[in-house]
Amino acid sequence: MRAGISDQRFDFLAFFFFLAAFLLAAFLLALLPAFLRAFLAAFFGDFFAEDFLTAFLDFFAAFFLGVIFFAIFLAAFLTFLTAVLAASVVALAALLIASAACSRMGFSSSISSSPRVLSNP
């Protein structure tokens, strides 16, 4: 068996593993603030005023989830920006290489020379 095929299978399985891990983390992040608010409000109800604890947990949950979602958005945006930049660099390099190759072989290139498609030498 070739190494590329087995590596590709492991990459395919790893994708679903990381997808499941990400969905589990997102699910826990969605439920954790509500659970903490309910549990800690009941547990520390004797020690803190209920409105203080609820307000503090609401602020903490909003701040924490805001930071997490901002970090995820920033990572996705930078990944997209990197992909667009890489595609642009590759396209430009391919165009310049094709232009140089056409010029060396004597073919007409719209960048290196005027078109000589129908002209006789």
PDB file of N, CA and C in Angstrom:
ATOM      1  N   MET A   1       0.847  -1.170   0.000  1.00  0.00           N
ATOM      2  CA  MET A   1       0.000   0.000   0.000  1.00  0.00           C
ATOM      3  C   MET A   1       0.896   1.239   0.000  1.00  0.00           C
ATOM      4  N   ARG A   2       0.542   2.231  -0.799  1.00  0.00           N
ATOM      5  CA  ARG A   2       1.350   3.447  -0.872  1.00  0.00           C
ATOM      6  C   ARG A   2       1.115   4.311   0.351  1.00  0.00           C
ATOM      7  N   ALA A   3       2.123   5.080   0.707  1.00  0.00           N
ATOM      8  CA  ALA A   3       2.038   5.907   1.917  1.00  0.00           C
ATOM      9  C   ALA A   3       0.992   7.008   1.769  1.00  0.00           C
ATOM     10  N   GLY A   4       0.830   7.546   0.581  1.00  0.00           N
ATOM     11  CA  GLY A   4      -0.107   8.641   0.375  1.00  0.00           C
ATOM     12  C   GLY A   4      -1.549   8.251   0.630  1.00  0.00           C
ATOM     13  N   ILE A   5      -1.910   7.036   0.277  1.00  0.00           N
ATOM     14  CA  ILE A   5      -3.297   6.596   0.451  1.00  0.00           C
ATOM     15  C   ILE A   5      -3.612   6.421   1.926  1.00  0.00           C
ATOM     16  N   SER A   6      -2.719   5.782   2.673  1.00  0.00           N
ATOM     17  CA  SER A   6      -3.019   5.576   4.088  1.00  0.00           C
ATOM     18  C   SER A   6      -3.008   6.897   4.842  1.00  0.00           C
ATOM     19  N   ASP A   7      -2.115   7.831   4.472  1.00  0.00           N
ATOM     20  CA  ASP A   7      -2.111   9.146   5.112  1.00  0.00           C
ATOM     21  C   ASP A   7      -3.408   9.883   4.824  1.00  0.00           C
ATOM     22  N   GLN A   8      -3.900   9.728   3.602  1.00  0.00           N
ATOM     23  CA  GLN A   8      -5.141  10.390   3.243  1.00  0.00           C
ATOM     24  C   GLN A   8      -6.304   9.830   4.064  1.00  0.00           C
ATOM     25  N   ARG A   9      -6.302   8.539   4.316  1.00  0.00           N
ATOM     26  CA  ARG A   9      -7.364   7.949   5.135  1.00  0.00           C
ATOM     27  C   ARG A   9      -7.302   8.483   6.555  1.00  0.00           C
ATOM     28  N   PHE A  10      -6.086   8.592   7.098  1.00  0.00           N
ATOM     29  CA  PHE A  10      -5.961   9.132   8.450  1.00  0.00           C
ATOM     30  C   PHE A  10      -6.388  10.594   8.509  1.00  0.00           C
ATOM     31  N   ASP A  11      -6.079  11.363   7.466  1.00  0.00           N
ATOM     32  CA  ASP A  11      -6.520  12.758   7.423  1.00  0.00           C
ATOM     33  C   ASP A  11      -8.037  12.827   7.363  1.00  0.00           C
ATOM     34  N   PHE A  12      -8.646  11.927   6.596  1.00  0.00           N
ATOM     35  CA  PHE A  12     -10.100  11.903   6.497  1.00  0.00           C
ATOM     36  C   PHE A  12     -10.733  11.610   7.856  1.00  0.00           C
ATOM     37  N   LEU A  13     -10.185  10.640   8.572  1.00  0.00           N
ATOM     38  CA  LEU A  13     -10.705  10.320   9.902  1.00  0.00           C
ATOM     39  C   LEU A  13     -10.412  11.428  10.901  1.00  0.00           C
ATOM     40  N   ALA A  14      -9.245  12.049  10.789  1.00  0.00           N
ATOM     41  CA  ALA A  14      -8.888  13.135  11.706  1.00  0.00           C
ATOM     42  C   ALA A  14      -9.835  14.317  11.537  1.00  0.00           C
ATOM     43  N   PHE A  15     -10.274  14.569  10.300  1.00  0.00           N
ATOM     44  CA  PHE A  15     -11.226  15.657  10.081  1.00  0.00           C
ATOM     45  C   PHE A  15     -12.495  15.445  10.898  1.00  0.00           C
ATOM     46  N   PHE A  16     -13.043  14.240  10.874  1.00  0.00           N
ATOM     47  CA  PHE A  16     -14.272  13.987  11.623  1.00  0.00           C
ATOM     48  C   PHE A  16     -14.032  13.991  13.130  1.00  0.00           C
ATOM     49  N   PHE A  17     -12.855  13.560  13.559  1.00  0.00           N
ATOM     50  CA  PHE A  17     -12.521  13.626  14.981  1.00  0.00           C
ATOM     51  C   PHE A  17     -12.486  15.078  15.447  1.00  0.00           C
ATOM     52  N   PHE A  18     -11.800  15.941  14.695  1.00  0.00           N
ATOM     53  CA  PHE A  18     -11.717  17.341  15.089  1.00  0.00           C
ATOM     54  C   PHE A  18     -13.055  18.046  14.937  1.00  0.00           C
ATOM     55  N   LEU A  19     -13.853  17.653  13.966  1.00  0.00           N
ATOM     56  CA  LEU A  19     -15.195  18.217  13.838  1.00  0.00           C
ATOM     57  C   LEU A  19     -16.040  17.868  15.055  1.00  0.00           C
ATOM     58  N   ALA A  20     -15.990  16.607  15.495  1.00  0.00           N
ATOM     59  CA  ALA A  20     -16.739  16.201  16.683  1.00  0.00           C
ATOM     60  C   ALA A  20     -16.227  16.925  17.920  1.00  0.00           C
ATOM     61  N   ALA A  21     -14.910  17.081  18.044  1.00  0.00           N
ATOM     62  CA  ALA A  21     -14.349  17.789  19.195  1.00  0.00           C
ATOM     63  C   ALA A  21     -14.775  19.252  19.187  1.00  0.00           C
ATOM     64  N   PHE A  22     -14.783  19.881  18.019  1.00  0.00           N
ATOM     65  CA  PHE A  22     -15.204  21.277  17.933  1.00  0.00           C
ATOM     66  C   PHE A  22     -16.684  21.421  18.278  1.00  0.00           C
ATOM     67  N   LEU A  23     -17.523  20.534  17.752  1.00  0.00           N
ATOM     68  CA  LEU A  23     -18.956  20.622  18.045  1.00  0.00           C
ATOM     69  C   LEU A  23     -19.225  20.369  19.525  1.00  0.00           C
ATOM     70  N   LEU A  24     -18.495  19.437  20.137  1.00  0.00           N
ATOM     71  CA  LEU A  24     -18.649  19.195  21.565  1.00  0.00           C
ATOM     72  C   LEU A  24     -18.235  20.422  22.367  1.00  0.00           C
ATOM     73  N   ALA A  25     -17.127  21.053  21.987  1.00  0.00           N
ATOM     74  CA  ALA A  25     -16.681  22.253  22.691  1.00  0.00           C
ATOM     75  C   ALA A  25     -17.690  23.388  22.529  1.00  0.00           C
ATOM     76  N   ALA A  26     -18.236  23.557  21.328  1.00  0.00           N
ATOM     77  CA  ALA A  26     -19.237  24.602  21.104  1.00  0.00           C
ATOM     78  C   ALA A  26     -20.503  24.315  21.905  1.00  0.00           C
ATOM     79  N   PHE A  27     -20.895  23.044  21.966  1.00  0.00           N
ATOM     80  CA  PHE A  27     -22.079  22.660  22.747  1.00  0.00           C
ATOM     81  C   PHE A  27     -21.863  22.934  24.234  1.00  0.00           C
ATOM     82  N   LEU A  28     -20.680  22.584  24.739  1.00  0.00           N
ATOM     83  CA  LEU A  28     -20.393  22.839  26.150  1.00  0.00           C
ATOM     84  C   LEU A  28     -20.302  24.324  26.449  1.00  0.00           C
ATOM     85  N   LEU A  29     -19.738  25.099  25.528  1.00  0.00           N
ATOM     86  CA  LEU A  29     -19.670  26.539  25.737  1.00  0.00           C
ATOM     87  C   LEU A  29     -21.049  27.177  25.716  1.00  0.00           C
ATOM     88  N   ALA A  30     -21.970  26.583  24.969  1.00  0.00           N
ATOM     89  CA  ALA A  30     -23.328  27.119  24.940  1.00  0.00           C
ATOM     90  C   ALA A  30     -24.086  26.774  26.219  1.00  0.00           C
ATOM     91  N   LEU A  31     -23.810  25.590  26.806  1.00  0.00           N
ATOM     92  CA  LEU A  31     -24.541  25.174  28.006  1.00  0.00           C
ATOM     93  C   LEU A  31     -23.872  25.563  29.309  1.00  0.00           C
ATOM     94  N   LEU A  32     -22.558  25.748  29.289  1.00  0.00           N
ATOM     95  CA  LEU A  32     -21.831  25.998  30.524  1.00  0.00           C
ATOM     96  C   LEU A  32     -22.268  27.265  31.253  1.00  0.00           C
ATOM     97  N   PRO A  33     -22.449  28.413  30.594  1.00  0.00           N
ATOM     98  CA  PRO A  33     -22.873  29.602  31.337  1.00  0.00           C
ATOM     99  C   PRO A  33     -24.236  29.439  32.001  1.00  0.00           C
ATOM    100  N   ALA A  34     -25.192  28.801  31.311  1.00  0.00           N
ATOM    101  CA  ALA A  34     -26.517  28.601  31.905  1.00  0.00           C
ATOM    102  C   ALA A  34     -26.428  27.661  33.112  1.00  0.00           C
ATOM    103  N   PHE A  35     -25.611  26.609  32.973  1.00  0.00           N
ATOM    104  CA  PHE A  35     -25.438  25.681  34.088  1.00  0.00           C
ATOM    105  C   PHE A  35     -24.780  26.370  35.277  1.00  0.00           C
ATOM    106  N   LEU A  36     -23.705  27.119  35.019  1.00  0.00           N
ATOM    107  CA  LEU A  36     -23.026  27.810  36.113  1.00  0.00           C
ATOM    108  C   LEU A  36     -23.933  28.835  36.779  1.00  0.00           C
ATOM    109  N   ARG A  37     -24.710  29.562  35.985  1.00  0.00           N
ATOM    110  CA  ARG A  37     -25.615  30.562  36.551  1.00  0.00           C
ATOM    111  C   ARG A  37     -26.626  29.904  37.493  1.00  0.00           C
ATOM    112  N   ALA A  38     -27.222  28.800  37.044  1.00  0.00           N
ATOM    113  CA  ALA A  38     -28.232  28.129  37.863  1.00  0.00           C
ATOM    114  C   ALA A  38     -27.602  27.448  39.079  1.00  0.00           C
ATOM    115  N   PHE A  39     -26.490  26.744  38.861  1.00  0.00           N
ATOM    116  CA  PHE A  39     -25.882  25.994  39.951  1.00  0.00           C
ATOM    117  C   PHE A  39     -25.280  26.910  41.008  1.00  0.00           C
ATOM    118  N   LEU A  40     -24.492  27.888  40.572  1.00  0.00           N
ATOM    119  CA  LEU A  40     -23.841  28.757  41.551  1.00  0.00           C
ATOM    120  C   LEU A  40     -24.830  29.671  42.259  1.00  0.00           C
ATOM    121  N   ALA A  41     -25.877  30.090  41.570  1.00  0.00           N
ATOM    122  CA  ALA A  41     -26.891  30.917  42.230  1.00  0.00           C
ATOM    123  C   ALA A  41     -27.582  30.125  43.337  1.00  0.00           C
ATOM    124  N   ALA A  42     -27.835  28.841  43.093  1.00  0.00           N
ATOM    125  CA  ALA A  42     -28.463  28.019  44.128  1.00  0.00           C
ATOM    126  C   ALA A  42     -27.471  27.666  45.238  1.00  0.00           C
ATOM    127  N   PHE A  43     -26.222  27.375  44.858  1.00  0.00           N
ATOM    128  CA  PHE A  43     -25.232  26.937  45.839  1.00  0.00           C
ATOM    129  C   PHE A  43     -24.777  28.072  46.750  1.00  0.00           C
ATOM    130  N   PHE A  44     -24.508  29.232  46.168  1.00  0.00           N
ATOM    131  CA  PHE A  44     -24.037  30.370  46.964  1.00  0.00           C
ATOM    132  C   PHE A  44     -25.159  31.339  47.330  1.00  0.00           C
ATOM    133  N   GLY A  45     -26.399  30.895  47.210  1.00  0.00           N
ATOM    134  CA  GLY A  45     -27.530  31.765  47.510  1.00  0.00           C
ATOM    135  C   GLY A  45     -27.526  32.297  48.927  1.00  0.00           C
ATOM    136  N   ASP A  46     -26.967  31.521  49.865  1.00  0.00           N
ATOM    137  CA  ASP A  46     -26.925  31.969  51.260  1.00  0.00           C
ATOM    138  C   ASP A  46     -25.810  32.986  51.504  1.00  0.00           C
ATOM    139  N   PHE A  47     -24.789  32.969  50.680  1.00  0.00           N
ATOM    140  CA  PHE A  47     -23.620  33.809  50.950  1.00  0.00           C
ATOM    141  C   PHE A  47     -23.631  35.128  50.186  1.00  0.00           C
ATOM    142  N   PHE A  48     -24.238  35.135  49.008  1.00  0.00           N
ATOM    143  CA  PHE A  48     -24.270  36.355  48.198  1.00  0.00           C
ATOM    144  C   PHE A  48     -25.713  36.764  47.958  1.00  0.00           C
ATOM    145  N   ALA A  49     -25.896  38.040  47.675  1.00  0.00           N
ATOM    146  CA  ALA A  49     -27.220  38.488  47.251  1.00  0.00           C
ATOM    147  C   ALA A  49     -27.489  37.904  45.866  1.00  0.00           C
ATOM    148  N   GLU A  50     -28.702  37.466  45.643  1.00  0.00           N
ATOM    149  CA  GLU A  50     -29.018  36.754  44.399  1.00  0.00           C
ATOM    150  C   GLU A  50     -28.862  37.652  43.174  1.00  0.00           C
ATOM    151  N   ASP A  51     -29.226  38.916  43.291  1.00  0.00           N
ATOM    152  CA  ASP A  51     -29.115  39.792  42.127  1.00  0.00           C
ATOM    153  C   ASP A  51     -27.652  40.087  41.778  1.00  0.00           C
ATOM    154  N   PHE A  52     -26.781  40.173  42.776  1.00  0.00           N
ATOM    155  CA  PHE A  52     -25.356  40.397  42.511  1.00  0.00           C
ATOM    156  C   PHE A  52     -24.750  39.205  41.777  1.00  0.00           C
ATOM    157  N   LEU A  53     -25.021  38.001  42.279  1.00  0.00           N
ATOM    158  CA  LEU A  53     -24.441  36.812  41.671  1.00  0.00           C
ATOM    159  C   LEU A  53     -24.942  36.607  40.240  1.00  0.00           C
ATOM    160  N   THR A  54     -26.231  36.803  40.039  1.00  0.00           N
ATOM    161  CA  THR A  54     -26.796  36.631  38.698  1.00  0.00           C
ATOM    162  C   THR A  54     -26.223  37.664  37.729  1.00  0.00           C
ATOM    163  N   ALA A  55     -26.103  38.905  38.168  1.00  0.00           N
ATOM    164  CA  ALA A  55     -25.545  39.944  37.305  1.00  0.00           C
ATOM    165  C   ALA A  55     -24.076  39.657  36.993  1.00  0.00           C
ATOM    166  N   PHE A  56     -23.332  39.212  38.018  1.00  0.00           N
ATOM    167  CA  PHE A  56     -21.917  38.898  37.793  1.00  0.00           C
ATOM    168  C   PHE A  56     -21.759  37.736  36.817  1.00  0.00           C
ATOM    169  N   LEU A  57     -22.562  36.681  36.976  1.00  0.00           N
ATOM    170  CA  LEU A  57     -22.453  35.526  36.082  1.00  0.00           C
ATOM    171  C   LEU A  57     -22.905  35.867  34.661  1.00  0.00           C
ATOM    172  N   ASP A  58     -23.920  36.731  34.544  1.00  0.00           N
ATOM    173  CA  ASP A  58     -24.341  37.172  33.204  1.00  0.00           C
ATOM    174  C   ASP A  58     -23.210  37.933  32.516  1.00  0.00           C
ATOM    175  N   PHE A  59     -22.575  38.834  33.258  1.00  0.00           N
ATOM    176  CA  PHE A  59     -21.461  39.590  32.686  1.00  0.00           C
ATOM    177  C   PHE A  59     -20.306  38.666  32.330  1.00  0.00           C
ATOM    178  N   PHE A  60     -19.958  37.755  33.212  1.00  0.00           N
ATOM    179  CA  PHE A  60     -18.835  36.849  32.962  1.00  0.00           C
ATOM    180  C   PHE A  60     -19.108  35.965  31.750  1.00  0.00           C
ATOM    181  N   ALA A  61     -20.325  35.424  31.648  1.00  0.00           N
ATOM    182  CA  ALA A  61     -20.669  34.564  30.511  1.00  0.00           C
ATOM    183  C   ALA A  61     -20.634  35.354  29.202  1.00  0.00           C
ATOM    184  N   ALA A  62     -21.182  36.573  29.210  1.00  0.00           N
ATOM    185  CA  ALA A  62     -21.191  37.386  27.996  1.00  0.00           C
ATOM    186  C   ALA A  62     -19.771  37.760  27.590  1.00  0.00           C
ATOM    187  N   PHE A  63     -18.950  38.135  28.556  1.00  0.00           N
ATOM    188  CA  PHE A  63     -17.568  38.515  28.254  1.00  0.00           C
ATOM    189  C   PHE A  63     -16.774  37.318  27.736  1.00  0.00           C
ATOM    190  N   PHE A  64     -16.902  36.172  28.408  1.00  0.00           N
ATOM    191  CA  PHE A  64     -16.143  34.981  28.039  1.00  0.00           C
ATOM    192  C   PHE A  64     -16.541  34.499  26.643  1.00  0.00           C
ATOM    193  N   LEU A  65     -17.838  34.398  26.382  1.00  0.00           N
ATOM    194  CA  LEU A  65     -18.287  33.939  25.068  1.00  0.00           C
ATOM    195  C   LEU A  65     -17.954  34.953  23.982  1.00  0.00           C
ATOM    196  N   GLY A  66     -17.993  36.237  24.329  1.00  0.00           N
ATOM    197  CA  GLY A  66     -17.615  37.261  23.359  1.00  0.00           C
ATOM    198  C   GLY A  66     -16.165  37.125  22.939  1.00  0.00           C
ATOM    199  N   VAL A  67     -15.287  36.889  23.912  1.00  0.00           N
ATOM    200  CA  VAL A  67     -13.867  36.727  23.612  1.00  0.00           C
ATOM    201  C   VAL A  67     -13.639  35.459  22.786  1.00  0.00           C
ATOM    202  N   ILE A  68     -14.306  34.373  23.149  1.00  0.00           N
ATOM    203  CA  ILE A  68     -14.142  33.110  22.415  1.00  0.00           C
ATOM    204  C   ILE A  68     -14.609  33.256  20.969  1.00  0.00           C
ATOM    205  N   PHE A  69     -15.784  33.823  20.755  1.00  0.00           N
ATOM    206  CA  PHE A  69     -16.298  33.949  19.398  1.00  0.00           C
ATOM    207  C   PHE A  69     -15.474  34.937  18.578  1.00  0.00           C
ATOM    208  N   PHE A  70     -14.955  35.993  19.230  1.00  0.00           N
ATOM    209  CA  PHE A  70     -14.080  36.922  18.510  1.00  0.00           C
ATOM    210  C   PHE A  70     -12.801  36.219  18.069  1.00  0.00           C
ATOM    211  N   ALA A  71     -12.229  35.388  18.938  1.00  0.00           N
ATOM    212  CA  ALA A  71     -11.011  34.661  18.589  1.00  0.00           C
ATOM    213  C   ALA A  71     -11.270  33.690  17.440  1.00  0.00           C
ATOM    214  N   ILE A  72     -12.410  33.010  17.452  1.00  0.00           N
ATOM    215  CA  ILE A  72     -12.751  32.081  16.363  1.00  0.00           C
ATOM    216  C   ILE A  72     -12.941  32.850  15.055  1.00  0.00           C
ATOM    217  N   PHE A  73     -13.636  33.987  15.127  1.00  0.00           N
ATOM    218  CA  PHE A  73     -13.837  34.798  13.925  1.00  0.00           C
ATOM    219  C   PHE A  73     -12.512  35.310  13.388  1.00  0.00           C
ATOM    220  N   LEU A  74     -11.630  35.779  14.269  1.00  0.00           N
ATOM    221  CA  LEU A  74     -10.339  36.290  13.833  1.00  0.00           C
ATOM    222  C   LEU A  74      -9.496  35.190  13.178  1.00  0.00           C
ATOM    223  N   ALA A  75      -9.507  33.999  13.753  1.00  0.00           N
ATOM    224  CA  ALA A  75      -8.749  32.889  13.168  1.00  0.00           C
ATOM    225  C   ALA A  75      -9.301  32.523  11.786  1.00  0.00           C
ATOM    226  N   ALA A  76     -10.623  32.484  11.651  1.00  0.00           N
ATOM    227  CA  ALA A  76     -11.229  32.157  10.353  1.00  0.00           C
ATOM    228  C   ALA A  76     -10.928  33.242   9.319  1.00  0.00           C
ATOM    229  N   PHE A  77     -10.997  34.504   9.743  1.00  0.00           N
ATOM    230  CA  PHE A  77     -10.734  35.604   8.814  1.00  0.00           C
ATOM    231  C   PHE A  77      -9.281  35.600   8.354  1.00  0.00           C
ATOM    232  N   LEU A  78      -8.351  35.380   9.273  1.00  0.00           N
ATOM    233  CA  LEU A  78      -6.942  35.345   8.895  1.00  0.00           C
ATOM    234  C   LEU A  78      -6.627  34.145   8.005  1.00  0.00           C
ATOM    235  N   THR A  79      -7.295  33.026   8.248  1.00  0.00           N
ATOM    236  CA  THR A  79      -7.120  31.865   7.380  1.00  0.00           C
ATOM    237  C   THR A  79      -7.612  32.171   5.965  1.00  0.00           C
ATOM    238  N   PHE A  80      -8.769  32.800   5.871  1.00  0.00           N
ATOM    239  CA  PHE A  80      -9.314  33.185   4.571  1.00  0.00           C
ATOM    240  C   PHE A  80      -8.389  34.166   3.866  1.00  0.00           C
ATOM    241  N   LEU A  81      -7.888  35.154   4.600  1.00  0.00           N
ATOM    242  CA  LEU A  81      -6.994  36.146   4.017  1.00  0.00           C
ATOM    243  C   LEU A  81      -5.710  35.502   3.510  1.00  0.00           C
ATOM    244  N   THR A  82      -5.177  34.562   4.275  1.00  0.00           N
ATOM    245  CA  THR A  82      -3.968  33.854   3.860  1.00  0.00           C
ATOM    246  C   THR A  82      -4.218  33.038   2.593  1.00  0.00           C
ATOM    247  N   ALA A  83      -5.368  32.377   2.523  1.00  0.00           N
ATOM    248  CA  ALA A  83      -5.695  31.579   1.338  1.00  0.00           C
ATOM    249  C   ALA A  83      -5.837  32.460   0.101  1.00  0.00           C
ATOM    250  N   VAL A  84      -6.479  33.614   0.251  1.00  0.00           N
ATOM    251  CA  VAL A  84      -6.645  34.526  -0.889  1.00  0.00           C
ATOM    252  C   VAL A  84      -5.295  35.066  -1.337  1.00  0.00           C
ATOM    253  N   LEU A  85      -4.451  35.430  -0.383  1.00  0.00           N
ATOM    254  CA  LEU A  85      -3.122  35.937  -0.728  1.00  0.00           C
ATOM    255  C   LEU A  85      -2.291  34.857  -1.418  1.00  0.00           C
ATOM    256  N   ALA A  86      -2.348  33.637  -0.906  1.00  0.00           N
ATOM    257  CA  ALA A  86      -1.593  32.539  -1.523  1.00  0.00           C
ATOM    258  C   ALA A  86      -2.093  32.270  -2.940  1.00  0.00           C
ATOM    259  N   ALA A  87      -3.403  32.276  -3.141  1.00  0.00           N
ATOM    260  CA  ALA A  87      -3.950  32.047  -4.482  1.00  0.00           C
ATOM    261  C   ALA A  87      -3.530  33.160  -5.441  1.00  0.00           C
ATOM    262  N   SER A  88      -3.502  34.392  -4.950  1.00  0.00           N
ATOM    263  CA  SER A  88      -3.088  35.512  -5.799  1.00  0.00           C
ATOM    264  C   SER A  88      -1.622  35.389  -6.190  1.00  0.00           C
ATOM    265  N   VAL A  89      -0.773  35.032  -5.236  1.00  0.00           N
ATOM    266  CA  VAL A  89       0.666  34.886  -5.523  1.00  0.00           C
ATOM    267  C   VAL A  89       0.893  33.747  -6.513  1.00  0.00           C
ATOM    268  N   VAL A  90       0.201  32.642  -6.337  1.00  0.00           N
ATOM    269  CA  VAL A  90       0.354  31.507  -7.248  1.00  0.00           C
ATOM    270  C   VAL A  90      -0.128  31.874  -8.652  1.00  0.00           C
ATOM    271  N   ALA A  91      -1.252  32.574  -8.735  1.00  0.00           N
ATOM    272  CA  ALA A  91      -1.765  32.966 -10.054  1.00  0.00           C
ATOM    273  C   ALA A  91      -0.806  33.923 -10.749  1.00  0.00           C
ATOM    274  N   LEU A  92      -0.266  34.878 -10.001  1.00  0.00           N
ATOM    275  CA  LEU A  92       0.689  35.816 -10.595  1.00  0.00           C
ATOM    276  C   LEU A  92       1.957  35.091 -11.039  1.00  0.00           C
ATOM    277  N   ALA A  93       2.463  34.188 -10.215  1.00  0.00           N
ATOM    278  CA  ALA A  93       3.669  33.434 -10.577  1.00  0.00           C
ATOM    279  C   ALA A  93       3.421  32.580 -11.820  1.00  0.00           C
ATOM    280  N   ALA A  94       2.261  31.940 -11.889  1.00  0.00           N
ATOM    281  CA  ALA A  94       1.942  31.115 -13.061  1.00  0.00           C
ATOM    282  C   ALA A  94       1.867  31.968 -14.322  1.00  0.00           C
ATOM    283  N   LEU A  95       1.304  33.147 -14.206  1.00  0.00           N
ATOM    284  CA  LEU A  95       1.206  34.042 -15.358  1.00  0.00           C
ATOM    285  C   LEU A  95       2.584  34.491 -15.825  1.00  0.00           C
ATOM    286  N   LEU A  96       3.452  34.835 -14.888  1.00  0.00           N
ATOM    287  CA  LEU A  96       4.798  35.264 -15.266  1.00  0.00           C
ATOM    288  C   LEU A  96       5.622  34.110 -15.838  1.00  0.00           C
ATOM    289  N   ILE A  97       5.485  32.926 -15.260  1.00  0.00           N
ATOM    290  CA  ILE A  97       6.202  31.759 -15.783  1.00  0.00           C
ATOM    291  C   ILE A  97       5.722  31.417 -17.192  1.00  0.00           C
ATOM    292  N   ALA A  98       4.402  31.472 -17.399  1.00  0.00           N
ATOM    293  CA  ALA A  98       3.862  31.195 -18.736  1.00  0.00           C
ATOM    294  C   ALA A  98       4.337  32.238 -19.738  1.00  0.00           C
ATOM    295  N   SER A  99       4.402  33.486 -19.305  1.00  0.00           N
ATOM    296  CA  SER A  99       4.870  34.551 -20.193  1.00  0.00           C
ATOM    297  C   SER A  99       6.330  34.335 -20.572  1.00  0.00           C
ATOM    298  N   ALA A 100       7.159  34.002 -19.572  1.00  0.00           N
ATOM    299  CA  ALA A 100       8.579  33.763 -19.859  1.00  0.00           C
ATOM    300  C   ALA A 100       8.757  32.531 -20.743  1.00  0.00           C
ATOM    301  N   ALA A 101       7.999  31.486 -20.487  1.00  0.00           N
ATOM    302  CA  ALA A 101       8.107  30.264 -21.292  1.00  0.00           C
ATOM    303  C   ALA A 101       7.677  30.527 -22.731  1.00  0.00           C
ATOM    304  N   CYS A 102       6.588  31.259 -22.902  1.00  0.00           N
ATOM    305  CA  CYS A 102       6.131  31.584 -24.262  1.00  0.00           C
ATOM    306  C   CYS A 102       7.161  32.454 -24.986  1.00  0.00           C
ATOM    307  N   SER A 103       7.757  33.376 -24.269  1.00  0.00           N
ATOM    308  CA  SER A 103       8.756  34.240 -24.871  1.00  0.00           C
ATOM    309  C   SER A 103       9.988  33.449 -25.300  1.00  0.00           C
ATOM    310  N   ARG A 104      10.432  32.500 -24.478  1.00  0.00           N
ATOM    311  CA  ARG A 104      11.623  31.696 -24.805  1.00  0.00           C
ATOM    312  C   ARG A 104      11.363  30.750 -25.978  1.00  0.00           C
ATOM    313  N   MET A 105      10.123  30.261 -26.083  1.00  0.00           N
ATOM    314  CA  MET A 105       9.804  29.315 -27.157  1.00  0.00           C
ATOM    315  C   MET A 105       9.362  30.009 -28.438  1.00  0.00           C
ATOM    316  N   GLY A 106       9.188  31.314 -28.370  1.00  0.00           N
ATOM    317  CA  GLY A 106       8.812  32.041 -29.568  1.00  0.00           C
ATOM    318  C   GLY A 106       7.318  32.173 -29.762  1.00  0.00           C
ATOM    319  N   PHE A 107       6.532  31.734 -28.806  1.00  0.00           N
ATOM    320  CA  PHE A 107       5.088  31.916 -28.900  1.00  0.00           C
ATOM    321  C   PHE A 107       4.735  33.348 -28.521  1.00  0.00           C
ATOM    322  N   SER A 108       3.586  33.770 -28.971  1.00  0.00           N
ATOM    323  CA  SER A 108       3.141  35.117 -28.659  1.00  0.00           C
ATOM    324  C   SER A 108       2.556  35.151 -27.257  1.00  0.00           C
ATOM    325  N   SER A 109       2.907  36.183 -26.517  1.00  0.00           N
ATOM    326  CA  SER A 109       2.354  36.381 -25.183  1.00  0.00           C
ATOM    327  C   SER A 109       1.877  37.823 -25.081  1.00  0.00           C
ATOM    328  N   SER A 110       0.710  38.022 -24.541  1.00  0.00           N
ATOM    329  CA  SER A 110       0.173  39.374 -24.446  1.00  0.00           C
ATOM    330  C   SER A 110       0.969  40.240 -23.486  1.00  0.00           C
ATOM    331  N   ILE A 111       1.761  39.630 -22.617  1.00  0.00           N
ATOM    332  CA  ILE A 111       2.553  40.413 -21.679  1.00  0.00           C
ATOM    333  C   ILE A 111       3.905  40.768 -22.294  1.00  0.00           C
ATOM    334  N   SER A 112       4.562  39.786 -22.878  1.00  0.00           N
ATOM    335  CA  SER A 112       5.942  39.994 -23.328  1.00  0.00           C
ATOM    336  C   SER A 112       6.044  40.657 -24.694  1.00  0.00           C
ATOM    337  N   SER A 113       5.041  40.491 -25.559  1.00  0.00           N
ATOM    338  CA  SER A 113       5.140  41.052 -26.902  1.00  0.00           C
ATOM    339  C   SER A 113       3.738  41.242 -27.464  1.00  0.00           C
ATOM    340  N   SER A 114       3.698  41.898 -28.606  1.00  0.00           N
ATOM    341  CA  SER A 114       2.409  42.070 -29.268  1.00  0.00           C
ATOM    342  C   SER A 114       2.001  40.726 -29.902  1.00  0.00           C
ATOM    343  N   PRO A 115       0.717  40.469 -30.051  1.00  0.00           N
ATOM    344  CA  PRO A 115       0.283  39.174 -30.597  1.00  0.00           C
ATOM    345  C   PRO A 115       0.682  38.997 -32.075  1.00  0.00           C
ATOM    346  N   ARG A 116       1.204  37.832 -32.389  1.00  0.00           N
ATOM    347  CA  ARG A 116       1.590  37.497 -33.758  1.00  0.00           C
ATOM    348  C   ARG A 116       0.937  36.177 -34.175  1.00  0.00           C
ATOM    349  N   VAL A 117      -0.320  36.063 -33.901  1.00  0.00           N
ATOM    350  CA  VAL A 117      -0.998  34.795 -34.152  1.00  0.00           C
ATOM    351  C   VAL A 117      -1.150  34.539 -35.644  1.00  0.00           C
ATOM    352  N   LEU A 118      -1.605  35.539 -36.416  1.00  0.00           N
ATOM    353  CA  LEU A 118      -1.893  35.348 -37.849  1.00  0.00           C
ATOM    354  C   LEU A 118      -0.838  35.963 -38.762  1.00  0.00           C
ATOM    355  N   SER A 119       0.207  36.518 -38.215  1.00  0.00           N
ATOM    356  CA  SER A 119       1.201  37.156 -39.071  1.00  0.00           C
ATOM    357  C   SER A 119       2.209  36.143 -39.581  1.00  0.00           C
ATOM    358  N   ASN A 120       2.747  36.392 -40.776  1.00  0.00           N
ATOM    359  CA  ASN A 120       3.783  35.525 -41.341  1.00  0.00           C
ATOM    360  C   ASN A 120       5.163  36.066 -40.915  1.00  0.00           C
ATOM    361  N   PRO A 121       6.080  35.164 -40.557  1.00  0.00           N
ATOM    362  CA  PRO A 121       7.402  35.654 -40.135  1.00  0.00           C
ATOM    363  C   PRO A 121       8.244  36.183 -41.263  1.00  0.00           C
TER     364      PRO A 121
END
